[in-house]
Amino acid sequence: MNGKINNLIQIAGIRRYTLTEGKEKGLDVLDCDNGKLRFLLNVGKSLDMMQLYHEGQNVSFVSKNGFTARELPFA
């Protein structure tokens, strides 16, 4: 880099979303992105990583059950 960064949002950022449809309705998600790595964190489940992308390619596994906003007791 050449030192001409005026705002951190130019190289990295975090966005918070609340999903609104399907089984995911009501799920709070943090979307963290720094250009090379992007990952989604589940706010309601101790910031569990939901998905991970490296340079735009998905490198995580998502089961056919997907993600749910439903709270399950931890045994």
C-alpha atoms as a PDB file:
ATOM      1  CA  MET A   1       0.000   0.000   0.000  1.00  0.00           C
ATOM      2  CA  ASN A   2       1.111   3.550  -0.628  1.00  0.00           C
ATOM      3  CA  GLY A   3      -0.223   5.174   2.570  1.00  0.00           C
ATOM      4  CA  LYS A   4      -3.139   6.994   0.927  1.00  0.00           C
ATOM      5  CA  ILE A   5      -5.905   5.302   2.885  1.00  0.00           C
ATOM      6  CA  ASN A   6      -8.212   7.896   4.421  1.00  0.00           C
ATOM      7  CA  ASN A   7     -10.815   5.599   5.893  1.00  0.00           C
ATOM      8  CA  LEU A   8     -10.576   2.003   7.161  1.00  0.00           C
ATOM      9  CA  ILE A   9     -13.743   1.100   5.203  1.00  0.00           C
ATOM     10  CA  GLN A  10     -11.569   1.246   2.037  1.00  0.00           C
ATOM     11  CA  ILE A  11      -9.698  -1.922   3.071  1.00  0.00           C
ATOM     12  CA  ALA A  12     -11.869  -3.721   5.644  1.00  0.00           C
ATOM     13  CA  GLY A  13     -15.305  -3.584   7.137  1.00  0.00           C
ATOM     14  CA  ILE A  14     -17.987  -5.192   9.251  1.00  0.00           C
ATOM     15  CA  ARG A  15     -21.681  -5.035   8.453  1.00  0.00           C
ATOM     16  CA  ARG A  16     -24.533  -6.302  10.615  1.00  0.00           C
ATOM     17  CA  TYR A  17     -27.604  -7.887   9.017  1.00  0.00           C
ATOM     18  CA  THR A  18     -30.832  -9.404  10.272  1.00  0.00           C
ATOM     19  CA  LEU A  19     -32.157 -12.077   7.908  1.00  0.00           C
ATOM     20  CA  THR A  20     -35.862 -11.759   7.140  1.00  0.00           C
ATOM     21  CA  GLU A  21     -37.071 -14.883   5.310  1.00  0.00           C
ATOM     22  CA  GLY A  22     -37.336 -18.644   5.720  1.00  0.00           C
ATOM     23  CA  LYS A  23     -35.821 -20.652   8.566  1.00  0.00           C
ATOM     24  CA  GLU A  24     -33.237 -17.897   8.989  1.00  0.00           C
ATOM     25  CA  LYS A  25     -35.849 -15.230   9.817  1.00  0.00           C
ATOM     26  CA  GLY A  26     -34.602 -13.133  12.737  1.00  0.00           C
ATOM     27  CA  LEU A  27     -31.007 -14.407  12.563  1.00  0.00           C
ATOM     28  CA  ASP A  28     -28.425 -11.685  13.272  1.00  0.00           C
ATOM     29  CA  VAL A  29     -25.268 -11.934  11.162  1.00  0.00           C
ATOM     30  CA  LEU A  30     -21.968 -10.026  11.096  1.00  0.00           C
ATOM     31  CA  ASP A  31     -20.408  -9.852   7.621  1.00  0.00           C
ATOM     32  CA  CYS A  32     -16.635  -9.266   7.975  1.00  0.00           C
ATOM     33  CA  ASP A  33     -14.628  -8.516   4.826  1.00  0.00           C
ATOM     34  CA  ASN A  34     -11.036  -7.430   4.179  1.00  0.00           C
ATOM     35  CA  GLY A  35     -10.800  -8.067   0.440  1.00  0.00           C
ATOM     36  CA  LYS A  36      -9.134 -11.484   0.623  1.00  0.00           C
ATOM     37  CA  LEU A  37     -11.143 -13.059   3.449  1.00  0.00           C
ATOM     38  CA  ARG A  38     -14.858 -12.696   4.031  1.00  0.00           C
ATOM     39  CA  PHE A  39     -16.693 -14.514   6.788  1.00  0.00           C
ATOM     40  CA  LEU A  40     -20.168 -14.496   8.280  1.00  0.00           C
ATOM     41  CA  LEU A  41     -20.583 -14.729  12.054  1.00  0.00           C
ATOM     42  CA  ASN A  42     -23.778 -15.784  13.839  1.00  0.00           C
ATOM     43  CA  VAL A  43     -24.365 -13.185  16.583  1.00  0.00           C
ATOM     44  CA  GLY A  44     -26.936 -15.288  18.474  1.00  0.00           C
ATOM     45  CA  LYS A  45     -24.668 -18.325  18.764  1.00  0.00           C
ATOM     46  CA  SER A  46     -21.476 -16.923  20.328  1.00  0.00           C
ATOM     47  CA  LEU A  47     -20.185 -15.589  16.993  1.00  0.00           C
ATOM     48  CA  ASP A  48     -19.992 -19.039  15.377  1.00  0.00           C
ATOM     49  CA  MET A  49     -18.586 -18.794  11.867  1.00  0.00           C
ATOM     50  CA  MET A  50     -21.341 -19.584   9.382  1.00  0.00           C
ATOM     51  CA  GLN A  51     -19.450 -19.252   6.106  1.00  0.00           C
ATOM     52  CA  LEU A  52     -15.897 -18.465   5.001  1.00  0.00           C
ATOM     53  CA  TYR A  53     -14.782 -17.136   1.614  1.00  0.00           C
ATOM     54  CA  HIS A  54     -11.223 -16.718   0.328  1.00  0.00           C
ATOM     55  CA  GLU A  55     -10.882 -14.356  -2.637  1.00  0.00           C
ATOM     56  CA  GLY A  56     -14.563 -14.900  -3.445  1.00  0.00           C
ATOM     57  CA  GLN A  57     -14.463 -18.722  -3.306  1.00  0.00           C
ATOM     58  CA  ASN A  58     -16.503 -20.499  -0.639  1.00  0.00           C
ATOM     59  CA  VAL A  59     -14.256 -22.715   1.499  1.00  0.00           C
ATOM     60  CA  SER A  60     -16.802 -23.652   4.173  1.00  0.00           C
ATOM     61  CA  PHE A  61     -19.288 -26.490   4.444  1.00  0.00           C
ATOM     62  CA  VAL A  62     -22.993 -25.777   4.852  1.00  0.00           C
ATOM     63  CA  SER A  63     -25.176 -28.817   5.535  1.00  0.00           C
ATOM     64  CA  LYS A  64     -28.488 -29.280   3.739  1.00  0.00           C
ATOM     65  CA  ASN A  65     -30.242 -28.115   6.932  1.00  0.00           C
ATOM     66  CA  GLY A  66     -28.723 -24.666   6.426  1.00  0.00           C
ATOM     67  CA  PHE A  67     -28.911 -22.034   9.132  1.00  0.00           C
ATOM     68  CA  THR A  68     -31.802 -21.423  11.511  1.00  0.00           C
ATOM     69  CA  ALA A  69     -32.729 -18.669  13.936  1.00  0.00           C
ATOM     70  CA  ARG A  70     -34.361 -21.248  16.204  1.00  0.00           C
ATOM     71  CA  GLU A  71     -32.734 -21.507  19.605  1.00  0.00           C
ATOM     72  CA  LEU A  72     -31.850 -25.064  20.604  1.00  0.00           C
ATOM     73  CA  PRO A  73     -30.826 -25.916  24.163  1.00  0.00           C
ATOM     74  CA  PHE A  74     -27.159 -26.718  24.606  1.00  0.00           C
ATOM     75  CA  ALA A  75     -26.986 -30.144  26.261  1.00  0.00           C
END
